[in-house]
Amino acid sequence: MVDYTVEIDKVSKRYANHVAVNNLSLRVPKGAVYGLLGPNGAGKTTTIRMILNIIAPDEGTIRILGSDVKDAGISDRIGYLPEERGLYRKMQVRRVLRFLGELKGMKAKVADARINEWMERFELKTAEKDWGLNKIDELSRGMQQKVQFIGTLIHDPELVILDEPFSGLDPINAQALKDAIIELKQRGRTIIFSTHLMDNAERLCDSVCIIARGEKVLDGSITDIKHSHGTRNVALAFNGPPSTGVGPVLSDRSLVDRVDDSNRFFEVELAAGADPQLLLQRILGTGSSIKRFEIVQPSLHQIFLEKVGAKIRLPGNGTRNGADAGLTGSIKLDGVEEGLTDG
């Protein structure tokens, strides 16, 4: 019995003087949803391409479903959705999907039956309209993404690899994709997906691996990772806008080590030895009305920022360790916007 669907052991990959992946080892449990997380340029796509045997590692070994990644027939047991979507735009949808199925060794009749099932599920075939009769370039972007996802799953792969699968999806299509991922897991399939969206990873993944600059910085189950980072975090929300005095309180280094401000919701990491009751009293002293004040485990988003190591500047307090590799964006405290610099 194979306990792991993917086994990567001390793998490295270099391009000239650039080290894309450095001495990476990880194990993807069979039947798990596994997140490969990291900023742009971290080495996620290079790792995925080595798993797919598109490129070969310079050092180390990769085993898929108990066999060497180079063994014949392994690729037919894998479904891959690349980040760079690509379909034959002038071909009819059904013909494209049948072609993709036949490339994986499927008979045309079997492929057609699967195409019908998936198209009905994703509402590309209804009583009123069969979009499978249209050409790819006649479909909306969201519909094209559905077609590409169907092409990934049509041959019922044992390992499904999704590279930034939620990119550009509207909420309805994103929900349909999430439902499909959960169903695949329930059927014993293994799913690896890379993403920048920590909320999706936290909700969907059993385990994750965070890599930065080609090296693993964190690996394990979501439960173990969150538990190991303790309970120094406070979930904070207000009834209406917080008063102007909240910013200075959250910038007090004796109380607060780090803040993630999502406008109406704050995730606060307490300073070492800080008393959460004192923080609560200080915030109430500003006249703000608190809707939620709860000691919680840190979110995966907060753990990602801490582990990847960017520098987040907070008003009046210099820099704080957050996430510097490949992240851009901003954080606000008390109406002041500060940049997340691209390292």
C-alpha atoms as a PDB file:
ATOM      1  CA  MET A   1       0.000   0.000   0.000  1.00  0.00           C
ATOM      2  CA  VAL A   2       1.323   3.436  -0.983  1.00  0.00           C
ATOM      3  CA  ASP A   3       1.108   5.844   1.972  1.00  0.00           C
ATOM      4  CA  TYR A   4       2.312   8.830  -0.033  1.00  0.00           C
ATOM      5  CA  THR A   5       1.209   9.886  -3.487  1.00  0.00           C
ATOM      6  CA  VAL A   6       4.228  12.177  -3.967  1.00  0.00           C
ATOM      7  CA  GLU A   7       7.664  11.749  -2.353  1.00  0.00           C
ATOM      8  CA  ILE A   8      10.290  14.405  -3.022  1.00  0.00           C
ATOM      9  CA  ASP A   9      13.712  13.756  -1.525  1.00  0.00           C
ATOM     10  CA  LYS A  10      16.506  16.371  -1.468  1.00  0.00           C
ATOM     11  CA  VAL A  11      15.612  17.822  -4.854  1.00  0.00           C
ATOM     12  CA  SER A  12      17.446  20.831  -6.312  1.00  0.00           C
ATOM     13  CA  LYS A  13      17.101  22.687  -9.608  1.00  0.00           C
ATOM     14  CA  ARG A  14      19.336  25.453 -10.940  1.00  0.00           C
ATOM     15  CA  TYR A  15      19.187  27.713 -13.975  1.00  0.00           C
ATOM     16  CA  ALA A  16      22.643  29.168 -14.654  1.00  0.00           C
ATOM     17  CA  ASN A  17      23.448  31.072 -11.429  1.00  0.00           C
ATOM     18  CA  HIS A  18      19.870  31.020 -10.134  1.00  0.00           C
ATOM     19  CA  VAL A  19      18.803  28.323  -7.658  1.00  0.00           C
ATOM     20  CA  ALA A  20      15.095  27.758  -8.293  1.00  0.00           C
ATOM     21  CA  VAL A  21      14.695  24.881  -5.804  1.00  0.00           C
ATOM     22  CA  ASN A  22      17.243  24.003  -3.130  1.00  0.00           C
ATOM     23  CA  ASN A  23      17.373  20.645  -1.324  1.00  0.00           C
ATOM     24  CA  LEU A  24      13.576  20.303  -1.119  1.00  0.00           C
ATOM     25  CA  SER A  25      12.040  17.292   0.602  1.00  0.00           C
ATOM     26  CA  LEU A  26       8.338  16.742   1.206  1.00  0.00           C
ATOM     27  CA  ARG A  27       5.719  13.994   1.353  1.00  0.00           C
ATOM     28  CA  VAL A  28       2.161  14.360   0.069  1.00  0.00           C
ATOM     29  CA  PRO A  29      -0.142  11.880   1.861  1.00  0.00           C
ATOM     30  CA  LYS A  30      -2.432   9.763  -0.259  1.00  0.00           C
ATOM     31  CA  GLY A  31      -5.976  11.132  -0.408  1.00  0.00           C
ATOM     32  CA  ALA A  32      -5.025  14.549   0.983  1.00  0.00           C
ATOM     33  CA  VAL A  33      -5.560  18.101  -0.198  1.00  0.00           C
ATOM     34  CA  TYR A  34      -2.050  19.535  -0.081  1.00  0.00           C
ATOM     35  CA  GLY A  35      -1.181  23.205  -0.484  1.00  0.00           C
ATOM     36  CA  LEU A  36       2.089  24.346  -2.038  1.00  0.00           C
ATOM     37  CA  LEU A  37       2.361  27.940  -0.873  1.00  0.00           C
ATOM     38  CA  GLY A  38       4.833  30.727  -1.454  1.00  0.00           C
ATOM     39  CA  PRO A  39       5.346  34.149  -3.017  1.00  0.00           C
ATOM     40  CA  ASN A  40       6.129  34.710  -6.682  1.00  0.00           C
ATOM     41  CA  GLY A  41       9.491  33.220  -7.593  1.00  0.00           C
ATOM     42  CA  ALA A  42       9.516  30.873  -4.608  1.00  0.00           C
ATOM     43  CA  GLY A  43       9.956  27.730  -6.721  1.00  0.00           C
ATOM     44  CA  LYS A  44       6.386  26.394  -6.679  1.00  0.00           C
ATOM     45  CA  THR A  45       5.939  26.084 -10.434  1.00  0.00           C
ATOM     46  CA  THR A  46       9.430  24.613 -10.863  1.00  0.00           C
ATOM     47  CA  THR A  47       8.554  21.991  -8.235  1.00  0.00           C
ATOM     48  CA  ILE A  48       5.293  21.185 -10.004  1.00  0.00           C
ATOM     49  CA  ARG A  49       7.064  20.821 -13.349  1.00  0.00           C
ATOM     50  CA  MET A  50       9.545  18.393 -11.801  1.00  0.00           C
ATOM     51  CA  ILE A  51       6.665  16.355 -10.340  1.00  0.00           C
ATOM     52  CA  LEU A  52       5.188  16.241 -13.858  1.00  0.00           C
ATOM     53  CA  ASN A  53       8.599  15.257 -15.339  1.00  0.00           C
ATOM     54  CA  ILE A  54       8.474  18.293 -17.630  1.00  0.00           C
ATOM     55  CA  ILE A  55      11.910  19.210 -16.307  1.00  0.00           C
ATOM     56  CA  ALA A  56      14.376  17.009 -14.452  1.00  0.00           C
ATOM     57  CA  PRO A  57      15.952  17.868 -11.091  1.00  0.00           C
ATOM     58  CA  ASP A  58      19.690  18.404 -10.941  1.00  0.00           C
ATOM     59  CA  GLU A  59      19.824  16.419  -7.706  1.00  0.00           C
ATOM     60  CA  GLY A  60      17.452  14.299  -5.664  1.00  0.00           C
ATOM     61  CA  THR A  61      14.637  11.897  -6.457  1.00  0.00           C
ATOM     62  CA  ILE A  62      10.890  12.125  -7.033  1.00  0.00           C
ATOM     63  CA  ARG A  63       8.444   9.253  -6.703  1.00  0.00           C
ATOM     64  CA  ILE A  64       4.813   9.410  -7.826  1.00  0.00           C
ATOM     65  CA  LEU A  65       2.261   6.788  -6.748  1.00  0.00           C
ATOM     66  CA  GLY A  66       5.070   4.519  -5.593  1.00  0.00           C
ATOM     67  CA  SER A  67       7.028   4.700  -8.868  1.00  0.00           C
ATOM     68  CA  ASP A  68       9.863   6.782 -10.239  1.00  0.00           C
ATOM     69  CA  VAL A  69       8.552   9.934 -11.871  1.00  0.00           C
ATOM     70  CA  LYS A  70      10.112   8.853 -15.185  1.00  0.00           C
ATOM     71  CA  ASP A  71       8.325   5.478 -15.299  1.00  0.00           C
ATOM     72  CA  ALA A  72       6.060   4.852 -18.283  1.00  0.00           C
ATOM     73  CA  GLY A  73       2.376   5.477 -17.695  1.00  0.00           C
ATOM     74  CA  ILE A  74       2.766   7.720 -14.652  1.00  0.00           C
ATOM     75  CA  SER A  75       1.697  10.850 -16.540  1.00  0.00           C
ATOM     76  CA  ASP A  76      -1.607   9.206 -17.518  1.00  0.00           C
ATOM     77  CA  ARG A  77      -2.463   8.957 -13.806  1.00  0.00           C
ATOM     78  CA  ILE A  78      -1.989  12.700 -13.268  1.00  0.00           C
ATOM     79  CA  GLY A  79      -4.286  15.607 -14.097  1.00  0.00           C
ATOM     80  CA  TYR A  80      -2.672  19.046 -14.412  1.00  0.00           C
ATOM     81  CA  LEU A  81      -4.240  22.489 -14.550  1.00  0.00           C
ATOM     82  CA  PRO A  82      -1.463  24.988 -15.380  1.00  0.00           C
ATOM     83  CA  GLU A  83      -1.466  28.572 -14.210  1.00  0.00           C
ATOM     84  CA  GLU A  84      -1.127  29.710 -17.823  1.00  0.00           C
ATOM     85  CA  ARG A  85      -4.446  28.561 -19.249  1.00  0.00           C
ATOM     86  CA  GLY A  86      -4.293  27.313 -22.832  1.00  0.00           C
ATOM     87  CA  LEU A  87      -6.948  25.798 -25.094  1.00  0.00           C
ATOM     88  CA  TYR A  88      -7.307  25.487 -28.858  1.00  0.00           C
ATOM     89  CA  ARG A  89      -9.438  28.566 -29.313  1.00  0.00           C
ATOM     90  CA  LYS A  90     -10.843  27.749 -32.764  1.00  0.00           C
ATOM     91  CA  MET A  91     -11.867  24.200 -31.875  1.00  0.00           C
ATOM     92  CA  GLN A  92     -15.285  23.118 -30.658  1.00  0.00           C
ATOM     93  CA  VAL A  93     -15.418  22.587 -26.889  1.00  0.00           C
ATOM     94  CA  ARG A  94     -16.393  18.912 -27.075  1.00  0.00           C
ATOM     95  CA  ARG A  95     -13.698  18.155 -29.632  1.00  0.00           C
ATOM     96  CA  VAL A  96     -11.039  19.801 -27.463  1.00  0.00           C
ATOM     97  CA  LEU A  97     -12.105  17.792 -24.410  1.00  0.00           C
ATOM     98  CA  ARG A  98     -12.303  14.512 -26.347  1.00  0.00           C
ATOM     99  CA  PHE A  99      -8.807  15.179 -27.732  1.00  0.00           C
ATOM    100  CA  LEU A 100      -7.452  15.776 -24.204  1.00  0.00           C
ATOM    101  CA  GLY A 101      -9.081  12.552 -23.017  1.00  0.00           C
ATOM    102  CA  GLU A 102      -7.653  10.546 -25.916  1.00  0.00           C
ATOM    103  CA  LEU A 103      -4.182  11.900 -25.117  1.00  0.00           C
ATOM    104  CA  LYS A 104      -4.575  10.176 -21.736  1.00  0.00           C
ATOM    105  CA  GLY A 105      -5.547   6.876 -23.391  1.00  0.00           C
ATOM    106  CA  MET A 106      -9.347   7.170 -23.192  1.00  0.00           C
ATOM    107  CA  LYS A 107     -11.703   5.727 -25.793  1.00  0.00           C
ATOM    108  CA  ALA A 108     -13.829   8.367 -27.542  1.00  0.00           C
ATOM    109  CA  LYS A 109     -17.144   6.978 -26.207  1.00  0.00           C
ATOM    110  CA  VAL A 110     -15.868   6.929 -22.623  1.00  0.00           C
ATOM    111  CA  ALA A 111     -14.513  10.445 -23.008  1.00  0.00           C
ATOM    112  CA  ASP A 112     -17.830  11.695 -24.425  1.00  0.00           C
ATOM    113  CA  ALA A 113     -19.740  10.244 -21.469  1.00  0.00           C
ATOM    114  CA  ARG A 114     -17.399  11.935 -18.991  1.00  0.00           C
ATOM    115  CA  ILE A 115     -17.627  15.199 -20.932  1.00  0.00           C
ATOM    116  CA  ASN A 116     -21.413  15.150 -20.584  1.00  0.00           C
ATOM    117  CA  GLU A 117     -21.213  14.504 -16.834  1.00  0.00           C
ATOM    118  CA  TRP A 118     -18.795  17.329 -16.166  1.00  0.00           C
ATOM    119  CA  MET A 119     -20.432  19.814 -18.507  1.00  0.00           C
ATOM    120  CA  GLU A 120     -23.785  19.298 -16.814  1.00  0.00           C
ATOM    121  CA  ARG A 121     -22.156  19.688 -13.415  1.00  0.00           C
ATOM    122  CA  PHE A 122     -20.558  23.002 -14.392  1.00  0.00           C
ATOM    123  CA  GLU A 123     -23.717  24.163 -16.192  1.00  0.00           C
ATOM    124  CA  LEU A 124     -22.070  24.211 -19.597  1.00  0.00           C
ATOM    125  CA  LYS A 125     -24.858  21.914 -20.794  1.00  0.00           C
ATOM    126  CA  THR A 126     -28.448  22.668 -19.840  1.00  0.00           C
ATOM    127  CA  ALA A 127     -31.881  22.014 -21.329  1.00  0.00           C
ATOM    128  CA  GLU A 128     -31.642  25.376 -23.066  1.00  0.00           C
ATOM    129  CA  LYS A 129     -28.044  25.396 -24.266  1.00  0.00           C
ATOM    130  CA  ASP A 130     -25.124  23.076 -24.962  1.00  0.00           C
ATOM    131  CA  TRP A 131     -21.975  25.215 -24.914  1.00  0.00           C
ATOM    132  CA  GLY A 132     -20.007  22.156 -25.999  1.00  0.00           C
ATOM    133  CA  LEU A 133     -21.082  22.888 -29.571  1.00  0.00           C
ATOM    134  CA  ASN A 134     -19.439  26.317 -29.493  1.00  0.00           C
ATOM    135  CA  LYS A 135     -15.831  27.131 -30.240  1.00  0.00           C
ATOM    136  CA  ILE A 136     -13.572  27.936 -27.310  1.00  0.00           C
ATOM    137  CA  ASP A 137     -13.184  31.600 -28.265  1.00  0.00           C
ATOM    138  CA  GLU A 138     -16.983  32.025 -28.196  1.00  0.00           C
ATOM    139  CA  LEU A 139     -17.027  31.306 -24.452  1.00  0.00           C
ATOM    140  CA  SER A 140     -16.529  33.745 -21.613  1.00  0.00           C
ATOM    141  CA  ARG A 141     -13.290  33.577 -19.645  1.00  0.00           C
ATOM    142  CA  GLY A 142     -15.062  31.854 -16.755  1.00  0.00           C
ATOM    143  CA  MET A 143     -16.523  29.226 -19.082  1.00  0.00           C
ATOM    144  CA  GLN A 144     -13.111  28.630 -20.638  1.00  0.00           C
ATOM    145  CA  GLN A 145     -11.677  28.022 -17.185  1.00  0.00           C
ATOM    146  CA  LYS A 146     -14.408  25.470 -16.533  1.00  0.00           C
ATOM    147  CA  VAL A 147     -13.550  23.708 -19.788  1.00  0.00           C
ATOM    148  CA  GLN A 148      -9.871  23.584 -18.846  1.00  0.00           C
ATOM    149  CA  PHE A 149     -10.746  22.151 -15.430  1.00  0.00           C
ATOM    150  CA  ILE A 150     -12.878  19.466 -17.090  1.00  0.00           C
ATOM    151  CA  GLY A 151      -9.919  18.641 -19.333  1.00  0.00           C
ATOM    152  CA  THR A 152      -7.794  18.184 -16.210  1.00  0.00           C
ATOM    153  CA  LEU A 153     -10.211  15.672 -14.662  1.00  0.00           C
ATOM    154  CA  ILE A 154     -11.749  13.902 -17.654  1.00  0.00           C
ATOM    155  CA  HIS A 155      -9.495  10.804 -17.354  1.00  0.00           C
ATOM    156  CA  ASP A 156     -10.209  10.449 -13.616  1.00  0.00           C
ATOM    157  CA  PRO A 157      -6.596  10.956 -12.453  1.00  0.00           C
ATOM    158  CA  GLU A 158      -5.323   9.664  -9.125  1.00  0.00           C
ATOM    159  CA  LEU A 159      -3.217  12.801  -8.599  1.00  0.00           C
ATOM    160  CA  VAL A 160      -4.613  16.227  -9.488  1.00  0.00           C
ATOM    161  CA  ILE A 161      -2.254  19.229  -9.619  1.00  0.00           C
ATOM    162  CA  LEU A 162      -3.827  22.680  -9.766  1.00  0.00           C
ATOM    163  CA  ASP A 163      -1.559  25.703 -10.250  1.00  0.00           C
ATOM    164  CA  GLU A 164      -3.342  28.862  -9.003  1.00  0.00           C
ATOM    165  CA  PRO A 165      -6.761  27.309  -9.750  1.00  0.00           C
ATOM    166  CA  PHE A 166      -8.839  30.154  -8.299  1.00  0.00           C
ATOM    167  CA  SER A 167      -7.189  32.898 -10.348  1.00  0.00           C
ATOM    168  CA  GLY A 168      -9.839  35.006 -12.068  1.00  0.00           C
ATOM    169  CA  LEU A 169     -12.821  32.937 -10.928  1.00  0.00           C
ATOM    170  CA  ASP A 170     -15.980  34.675  -9.772  1.00  0.00           C
ATOM    171  CA  PRO A 171     -17.477  33.528  -6.423  1.00  0.00           C
ATOM    172  CA  ILE A 172     -19.949  31.102  -8.031  1.00  0.00           C
ATOM    173  CA  ASN A 173     -17.311  29.369 -10.154  1.00  0.00           C
ATOM    174  CA  ALA A 174     -14.841  29.391  -7.259  1.00  0.00           C
ATOM    175  CA  GLN A 175     -17.430  27.603  -5.118  1.00  0.00           C
ATOM    176  CA  ALA A 176     -18.010  25.025  -7.874  1.00  0.00           C
ATOM    177  CA  LEU A 177     -14.261  24.390  -8.002  1.00  0.00           C
ATOM    178  CA  LYS A 178     -14.050  24.023  -4.209  1.00  0.00           C
ATOM    179  CA  ASP A 179     -16.934  21.542  -4.255  1.00  0.00           C
ATOM    180  CA  ALA A 180     -15.175  19.522  -6.972  1.00  0.00           C
ATOM    181  CA  ILE A 181     -11.939  19.436  -4.948  1.00  0.00           C
ATOM    182  CA  ILE A 182     -13.792  18.143  -1.883  1.00  0.00           C
ATOM    183  CA  GLU A 183     -15.539  15.469  -3.959  1.00  0.00           C
ATOM    184  CA  LEU A 184     -12.210  14.343  -5.413  1.00  0.00           C
ATOM    185  CA  LYS A 185     -10.796  13.993  -1.894  1.00  0.00           C
ATOM    186  CA  GLN A 186     -13.833  11.983  -0.799  1.00  0.00           C
ATOM    187  CA  ARG A 187     -13.163   9.612  -3.695  1.00  0.00           C
ATOM    188  CA  GLY A 188      -9.616   9.045  -2.457  1.00  0.00           C
ATOM    189  CA  ARG A 189      -7.843  11.250  -4.980  1.00  0.00           C
ATOM    190  CA  THR A 190      -4.841  13.367  -3.992  1.00  0.00           C
ATOM    191  CA  ILE A 191      -4.929  17.074  -4.820  1.00  0.00           C
ATOM    192  CA  ILE A 192      -1.961  19.441  -4.840  1.00  0.00           C
ATOM    193  CA  PHE A 193      -2.655  23.078  -5.470  1.00  0.00           C
ATOM    194  CA  SER A 194      -0.468  26.124  -5.360  1.00  0.00           C
ATOM    195  CA  THR A 195      -2.041  29.421  -4.415  1.00  0.00           C
ATOM    196  CA  HIS A 196      -1.407  32.890  -3.037  1.00  0.00           C
ATOM    197  CA  LEU A 197      -4.854  32.876  -1.402  1.00  0.00           C
ATOM    198  CA  MET A 198      -4.264  31.799   2.182  1.00  0.00           C
ATOM    199  CA  ASP A 199      -7.981  31.738   3.062  1.00  0.00           C
ATOM    200  CA  ASN A 200      -8.629  29.091   0.413  1.00  0.00           C
ATOM    201  CA  ALA A 201      -5.613  27.075   1.543  1.00  0.00           C
ATOM    202  CA  GLU A 202      -6.680  27.236   5.195  1.00  0.00           C
ATOM    203  CA  ARG A 203     -10.220  26.094   4.413  1.00  0.00           C
ATOM    204  CA  LEU A 204      -9.361  23.370   1.914  1.00  0.00           C
ATOM    205  CA  CYS A 205      -5.951  21.914   2.760  1.00  0.00           C
ATOM    206  CA  ASP A 206      -5.166  19.053   5.106  1.00  0.00           C
ATOM    207  CA  SER A 207      -1.448  19.902   4.928  1.00  0.00           C
ATOM    208  CA  VAL A 208       0.706  22.624   3.414  1.00  0.00           C
ATOM    209  CA  CYS A 209       4.297  23.318   2.493  1.00  0.00           C
ATOM    210  CA  ILE A 210       5.493  26.922   2.421  1.00  0.00           C
ATOM    211  CA  ILE A 211       8.551  27.602   0.297  1.00  0.00           C
ATOM    212  CA  ALA A 212      10.481  30.827  -0.222  1.00  0.00           C
ATOM    213  CA  ARG A 213      13.517  31.437  -2.413  1.00  0.00           C
ATOM    214  CA  GLY A 214      13.458  27.778  -3.390  1.00  0.00           C
ATOM    215  CA  GLU A 215      13.682  26.422   0.155  1.00  0.00           C
ATOM    216  CA  LYS A 216      11.099  24.881   2.457  1.00  0.00           C
ATOM    217  CA  VAL A 217      10.361  27.054   5.466  1.00  0.00           C
ATOM    218  CA  LEU A 218       7.356  25.163   6.862  1.00  0.00           C
ATOM    219  CA  ASP A 219       5.713  21.793   6.238  1.00  0.00           C
ATOM    220  CA  GLY A 220       2.969  19.890   8.039  1.00  0.00           C
ATOM    221  CA  SER A 221      -0.729  19.542   8.722  1.00  0.00           C
ATOM    222  CA  ILE A 222      -2.778  22.720   9.142  1.00  0.00           C
ATOM    223  CA  THR A 223      -3.774  21.601  12.642  1.00  0.00           C
ATOM    224  CA  ASP A 224      -0.189  21.012  13.787  1.00  0.00           C
ATOM    225  CA  ILE A 225       1.123  24.197  12.194  1.00  0.00           C
ATOM    226  CA  LYS A 226      -1.494  26.408  13.825  1.00  0.00           C
ATOM    227  CA  HIS A 227      -1.057  24.669  17.198  1.00  0.00           C
ATOM    228  CA  SER A 228       2.710  25.103  17.103  1.00  0.00           C
ATOM    229  CA  HIS A 229       2.337  28.856  16.673  1.00  0.00           C
ATOM    230  CA  GLY A 230       0.564  29.179  19.989  1.00  0.00           C
ATOM    231  CA  THR A 231      -2.323  31.340  21.115  1.00  0.00           C
ATOM    232  CA  ARG A 232      -0.808  34.809  21.247  1.00  0.00           C
ATOM    233  CA  ASN A 233      -3.243  36.046  18.611  1.00  0.00           C
ATOM    234  CA  VAL A 234      -6.395  38.072  19.163  1.00  0.00           C
ATOM    235  CA  ALA A 235      -9.261  38.347  16.689  1.00  0.00           C
ATOM    236  CA  LEU A 236     -10.550  41.907  16.965  1.00  0.00           C
ATOM    237  CA  ALA A 237     -13.602  43.516  15.330  1.00  0.00           C
ATOM    238  CA  PHE A 238     -15.484  46.739  16.006  1.00  0.00           C
ATOM    239  CA  ASN A 239     -19.075  47.900  15.865  1.00  0.00           C
ATOM    240  CA  GLY A 240     -18.526  50.573  13.262  1.00  0.00           C
ATOM    241  CA  PRO A 241     -15.255  52.391  12.554  1.00  0.00           C
ATOM    242  CA  PRO A 242     -12.719  52.318  15.425  1.00  0.00           C
ATOM    243  CA  SER A 243     -11.806  55.600  17.067  1.00  0.00           C
ATOM    244  CA  THR A 244      -8.615  57.424  16.114  1.00  0.00           C
ATOM    245  CA  GLY A 245      -7.018  56.275  19.379  1.00  0.00           C
ATOM    246  CA  VAL A 246      -6.970  52.616  18.327  1.00  0.00           C
ATOM    247  CA  GLY A 247      -3.994  53.101  15.983  1.00  0.00           C
ATOM    248  CA  PRO A 248      -1.569  54.185  18.735  1.00  0.00           C
ATOM    249  CA  VAL A 249      -2.730  51.312  20.975  1.00  0.00           C
ATOM    250  CA  LEU A 250      -2.082  48.747  18.243  1.00  0.00           C
ATOM    251  CA  SER A 251       1.295  50.353  17.569  1.00  0.00           C
ATOM    252  CA  ASP A 252       2.423  49.952  21.203  1.00  0.00           C
ATOM    253  CA  ARG A 253       5.296  47.465  21.011  1.00  0.00           C
ATOM    254  CA  SER A 254       4.881  46.521  24.675  1.00  0.00           C
ATOM    255  CA  LEU A 255       1.441  45.115  23.825  1.00  0.00           C
ATOM    256  CA  VAL A 256       1.426  44.264  20.126  1.00  0.00           C
ATOM    257  CA  ASP A 257       4.073  42.600  18.011  1.00  0.00           C
ATOM    258  CA  ARG A 258       2.191  42.543  14.689  1.00  0.00           C
ATOM    259  CA  VAL A 259      -1.167  43.574  13.238  1.00  0.00           C
ATOM    260  CA  ASP A 260      -2.954  42.390  10.123  1.00  0.00           C
ATOM    261  CA  ASP A 261      -5.636  44.972   9.312  1.00  0.00           C
ATOM    262  CA  SER A 262      -8.440  43.826   7.006  1.00  0.00           C
ATOM    263  CA  ASN A 263     -10.375  47.082   7.405  1.00  0.00           C
ATOM    264  CA  ARG A 264     -13.258  45.784   9.543  1.00  0.00           C
ATOM    265  CA  PHE A 265     -11.328  42.928  11.136  1.00  0.00           C
ATOM    266  CA  PHE A 266      -7.908  42.896  12.818  1.00  0.00           C
ATOM    267  CA  GLU A 267      -5.688  39.930  13.616  1.00  0.00           C
ATOM    268  CA  VAL A 268      -3.370  41.030  16.416  1.00  0.00           C
ATOM    269  CA  GLU A 269      -0.275  39.121  17.551  1.00  0.00           C
ATOM    270  CA  LEU A 270       0.511  40.003  21.140  1.00  0.00           C
ATOM    271  CA  ALA A 271       3.998  40.917  22.235  1.00  0.00           C
ATOM    272  CA  ALA A 272       5.819  38.340  24.341  1.00  0.00           C
ATOM    273  CA  GLY A 273       4.448  38.424  27.893  1.00  0.00           C
ATOM    274  CA  ALA A 274       1.712  40.934  27.014  1.00  0.00           C
ATOM    275  CA  ASP A 275      -1.602  40.678  28.872  1.00  0.00           C
ATOM    276  CA  PRO A 276      -4.578  40.502  26.483  1.00  0.00           C
ATOM    277  CA  GLN A 277      -6.805  42.012  29.187  1.00  0.00           C
ATOM    278  CA  LEU A 278      -4.633  45.118  29.230  1.00  0.00           C
ATOM    279  CA  LEU A 279      -4.969  45.401  25.442  1.00  0.00           C
ATOM    280  CA  LEU A 280      -8.741  45.110  25.800  1.00  0.00           C
ATOM    281  CA  GLN A 281      -8.818  47.820  28.475  1.00  0.00           C
ATOM    282  CA  ARG A 282      -6.663  50.157  26.381  1.00  0.00           C
ATOM    283  CA  ILE A 283      -8.897  49.733  23.328  1.00  0.00           C
ATOM    284  CA  LEU A 284     -12.079  50.277  25.360  1.00  0.00           C
ATOM    285  CA  GLY A 285     -10.432  53.378  26.772  1.00  0.00           C
ATOM    286  CA  THR A 286     -10.398  54.908  23.283  1.00  0.00           C
ATOM    287  CA  GLY A 287     -14.184  54.912  23.244  1.00  0.00           C
ATOM    288  CA  SER A 288     -14.448  52.283  20.512  1.00  0.00           C
ATOM    289  CA  SER A 289     -17.268  49.735  20.615  1.00  0.00           C
ATOM    290  CA  ILE A 290     -15.897  46.198  20.317  1.00  0.00           C
ATOM    291  CA  LYS A 291     -17.860  43.527  18.483  1.00  0.00           C
ATOM    292  CA  ARG A 292     -15.318  40.721  18.937  1.00  0.00           C
ATOM    293  CA  PHE A 293     -12.262  40.207  21.119  1.00  0.00           C
ATOM    294  CA  GLU A 294     -11.160  36.575  21.130  1.00  0.00           C
ATOM    295  CA  ILE A 295      -7.866  34.796  21.751  1.00  0.00           C
ATOM    296  CA  VAL A 296      -7.391  32.502  18.752  1.00  0.00           C
ATOM    297  CA  GLN A 297      -4.789  30.470  16.918  1.00  0.00           C
ATOM    298  CA  PRO A 298      -3.058  32.508  14.208  1.00  0.00           C
ATOM    299  CA  SER A 299      -4.473  32.332  10.698  1.00  0.00           C
ATOM    300  CA  LEU A 300      -2.485  30.648   7.962  1.00  0.00           C
ATOM    301  CA  HIS A 301      -2.197  34.086   6.365  1.00  0.00           C
ATOM    302  CA  GLN A 302      -0.460  35.439   9.480  1.00  0.00           C
ATOM    303  CA  ILE A 303       1.832  32.400   9.728  1.00  0.00           C
ATOM    304  CA  PHE A 304       2.734  32.845   6.056  1.00  0.00           C
ATOM    305  CA  LEU A 305       3.682  36.478   6.621  1.00  0.00           C
ATOM    306  CA  GLU A 306       5.790  35.564   9.636  1.00  0.00           C
ATOM    307  CA  LYS A 307       7.593  32.652   8.005  1.00  0.00           C
ATOM    308  CA  VAL A 308       8.246  34.177   4.620  1.00  0.00           C
ATOM    309  CA  GLY A 309       9.695  37.188   6.380  1.00  0.00           C
ATOM    310  CA  ALA A 310       8.683  40.463   4.683  1.00  0.00           C
ATOM    311  CA  LYS A 311       9.059  43.755   6.403  1.00  0.00           C
ATOM    312  CA  ILE A 312       5.800  45.457   7.221  1.00  0.00           C
ATOM    313  CA  ARG A 313       6.111  49.079   8.294  1.00  0.00           C
ATOM    314  CA  LEU A 314       3.677  50.217  10.964  1.00  0.00           C
ATOM    315  CA  PRO A 315       3.081  53.877  11.854  1.00  0.00           C
ATOM    316  CA  GLY A 316       5.723  55.211  14.230  1.00  0.00           C
ATOM    317  CA  ASN A 317       7.423  51.895  14.867  1.00  0.00           C
ATOM    318  CA  GLY A 318       9.889  51.270  12.086  1.00  0.00           C
ATOM    319  CA  THR A 319       9.616  47.812  10.542  1.00  0.00           C
ATOM    320  CA  ARG A 320       8.163  44.493  11.658  1.00  0.00           C
ATOM    321  CA  ASN A 321       8.955  41.101  10.304  1.00  0.00           C
ATOM    322  CA  GLY A 322       6.210  39.997   7.928  1.00  0.00           C
ATOM    323  CA  ALA A 323       6.709  38.774   4.359  1.00  0.00           C
ATOM    324  CA  ASP A 324       9.283  40.283   2.055  1.00  0.00           C
ATOM    325  CA  ALA A 325       9.745  37.829  -0.788  1.00  0.00           C
ATOM    326  CA  GLY A 326       7.599  38.672  -3.768  1.00  0.00           C
ATOM    327  CA  LEU A 327       4.689  40.303  -1.931  1.00  0.00           C
ATOM    328  CA  THR A 328       3.141  43.611  -2.782  1.00  0.00           C
ATOM    329  CA  GLY A 329       0.190  45.378  -1.253  1.00  0.00           C
ATOM    330  CA  SER A 330      -0.536  47.568   1.737  1.00  0.00           C
ATOM    331  CA  ILE A 331      -1.589  47.571   5.338  1.00  0.00           C
ATOM    332  CA  LYS A 332      -3.560  50.290   7.088  1.00  0.00           C
ATOM    333  CA  LEU A 333      -3.605  51.355  10.702  1.00  0.00           C
ATOM    334  CA  ASP A 334      -5.711  54.274  11.822  1.00  0.00           C
ATOM    335  CA  GLY A 335      -6.235  55.370   8.226  1.00  0.00           C
ATOM    336  CA  VAL A 336      -2.527  55.355   7.333  1.00  0.00           C
ATOM    337  CA  GLU A 337      -1.528  53.126   4.417  1.00  0.00           C
ATOM    338  CA  GLU A 338       1.900  51.512   4.426  1.00  0.00           C
ATOM    339  CA  GLY A 339       3.435  49.478   1.612  1.00  0.00           C
ATOM    340  CA  LEU A 340       4.496  45.863   1.546  1.00  0.00           C
ATOM    341  CA  THR A 341       7.716  46.057  -0.432  1.00  0.00           C
ATOM    342  CA  ASP A 342       8.739  43.556  -3.067  1.00  0.00           C
ATOM    343  CA  GLY A 343      11.949  41.936  -1.893  1.00  0.00           C
END
